[in-house]
Protein backbone atom coordinates (compact mmCIF):
# COMPACT_ATOMS: atom_id res chain seq x y z
CA UNK A 1 11.44 -9.68 4.23
CA UNK A 2 12.15 -8.96 0.59
CA UNK A 3 9.29 -7.12 -1.14
CA UNK A 4 9.53 -6.63 -4.89
CA UNK A 5 7.32 -5.73 -7.82
CA UNK A 6 9.12 -8.19 -10.07
CA UNK A 7 7.77 -11.73 -10.66
CA UNK A 8 11.15 -13.32 -9.88
CA UNK A 9 14.19 -12.66 -7.70
CA UNK A 10 17.23 -12.29 -9.92
CA UNK A 11 19.98 -14.76 -9.07
CA UNK A 12 17.80 -16.61 -6.55
CA UNK A 13 15.67 -19.71 -6.74
CA UNK A 14 12.07 -19.59 -5.55
CA UNK A 15 11.44 -22.90 -3.83
CA UNK A 16 7.88 -22.49 -2.52
CA UNK A 17 4.89 -20.43 -3.58
CA UNK A 18 2.51 -19.86 -0.66
CA UNK A 19 -0.03 -17.83 -2.62
CA UNK A 20 -1.67 -14.44 -2.62
CA UNK A 21 -1.22 -12.06 0.29
CA UNK A 22 -2.98 -8.73 0.65
CA UNK A 23 -2.99 -5.70 2.88
CA UNK A 24 -5.45 -2.86 2.95
CA UNK A 25 -5.64 0.51 4.64
CA UNK A 26 -8.39 3.09 4.56
CA UNK A 27 -7.65 6.38 6.25
CA UNK A 28 -9.80 9.44 6.59
CA UNK A 29 -8.51 12.91 5.92
CA UNK A 30 -10.25 15.36 8.21
CA UNK A 31 -12.33 18.30 7.04
CA UNK A 32 -9.54 20.86 7.57
CA UNK A 33 -7.11 18.84 5.45
CA UNK A 34 -9.84 18.53 2.80
CA UNK A 35 -10.44 22.28 2.86
CA UNK A 36 -6.76 23.18 2.52
CA UNK A 37 -6.26 20.53 -0.18
CA UNK A 38 -9.16 22.05 -2.13
CA UNK A 39 -7.58 25.49 -1.85
CA UNK A 40 -4.24 24.14 -3.03
CA UNK A 41 -6.00 22.46 -5.97
CA UNK A 42 -7.40 25.85 -6.98
CA UNK A 43 -4.16 27.85 -6.61
CA UNK A 44 -1.74 25.05 -7.45
CA UNK A 45 0.91 23.33 -5.39
CA UNK A 46 1.19 20.09 -3.50
CA UNK A 47 -1.04 18.93 -0.71
CA UNK A 48 1.42 17.81 1.96
CA UNK A 49 -1.39 16.67 4.26
CA UNK A 50 -2.70 14.23 1.66
CA UNK A 51 0.81 13.09 0.77
CA UNK A 52 1.48 12.22 4.42
CA UNK A 53 -1.84 10.36 4.70
CA UNK A 54 -1.15 8.47 1.47
CA UNK A 55 2.33 7.43 2.67
CA UNK A 56 0.86 6.34 6.00
CA UNK A 57 -1.81 4.25 4.25
CA UNK A 58 0.79 2.66 1.95
CA UNK A 59 3.01 1.74 4.91
CA UNK A 60 0.06 0.15 6.72
CA UNK A 61 -1.08 -1.83 3.67
CA UNK A 62 2.42 -3.13 2.85
CA UNK A 63 3.07 -3.92 6.52
CA UNK A 64 -0.15 -5.92 6.74
CA UNK A 65 0.73 -7.81 3.55
CA UNK A 66 4.23 -8.62 4.86
CA UNK A 67 2.84 -9.81 8.22
CA UNK A 68 0.51 -12.23 6.40
CA UNK A 69 3.41 -13.52 4.29
CA UNK A 70 5.53 -14.10 7.40
CA UNK A 71 2.66 -15.99 9.03
CA UNK A 72 2.64 -18.30 5.99
CA UNK A 73 6.37 -18.98 6.42
CA UNK A 74 7.47 -16.86 3.44
CA UNK A 75 10.66 -14.82 3.30
CA UNK A 76 9.65 -12.67 0.31
CA UNK A 77 6.66 -11.19 -1.47
CA UNK A 78 6.98 -10.93 -5.24
CA UNK A 79 4.85 -9.34 -7.94
CA UNK A 80 3.67 -6.62 -5.57
CA UNK A 81 1.03 -4.25 -6.89
CA UNK A 82 -0.16 -1.15 -5.03
CA UNK A 83 -3.57 0.32 -5.81
CA UNK A 84 -4.75 3.74 -4.65
CA UNK A 85 -8.32 5.00 -4.48
CA UNK A 86 -10.17 7.98 -3.07
CA UNK A 87 -13.57 7.27 -1.59
CA UNK A 88 -15.87 10.28 -1.22
CA UNK A 89 -17.87 10.20 1.99
CA UNK A 90 -20.31 13.05 2.58
CA UNK A 91 -18.19 15.72 4.26
CA UNK A 92 -14.78 14.36 3.31
CA UNK A 93 -12.67 11.81 1.53
CA UNK A 94 -11.18 8.49 2.56
CA UNK A 95 -7.87 7.30 1.16
CA UNK A 96 -7.65 3.60 0.36
CA UNK A 97 -4.48 1.70 -0.47
CA UNK A 98 -4.33 -2.00 -1.19
CA UNK A 99 -1.14 -4.04 -1.55
CA UNK A 100 -1.18 -7.45 -3.24
CA UNK A 101 1.58 -9.92 -3.98
CA UNK A 102 2.65 -13.55 -3.91
CA UNK A 103 4.24 -14.94 -0.75
CA UNK A 104 7.25 -17.12 -1.56
CA UNK A 105 10.29 -18.77 -0.07
CA UNK A 106 13.58 -18.24 -1.89
CA UNK A 107 17.10 -19.41 -1.28
């Protein structure tokens, strides 16, 4: 399955537009990851724990979007947009990623 952020596929003809497909993932980062991320924010550096969680959430969201496109009979998703949010929940944060695009058939 071709997944692209562009609205067209260069050198290919889009024959069918199936419509919008989405995928979402919300993952919690546990309290220890939150604590160490806060410490890193104070002293500087990267938070590898959050980076891994963010990558995991992105993979889930894109995978869900692609699965929906396949179910529609598409062989590509164009115009893909990824949105990232942090949701604060009492004792920790949740990471949310949403993937949106247009399911199409190209030849």
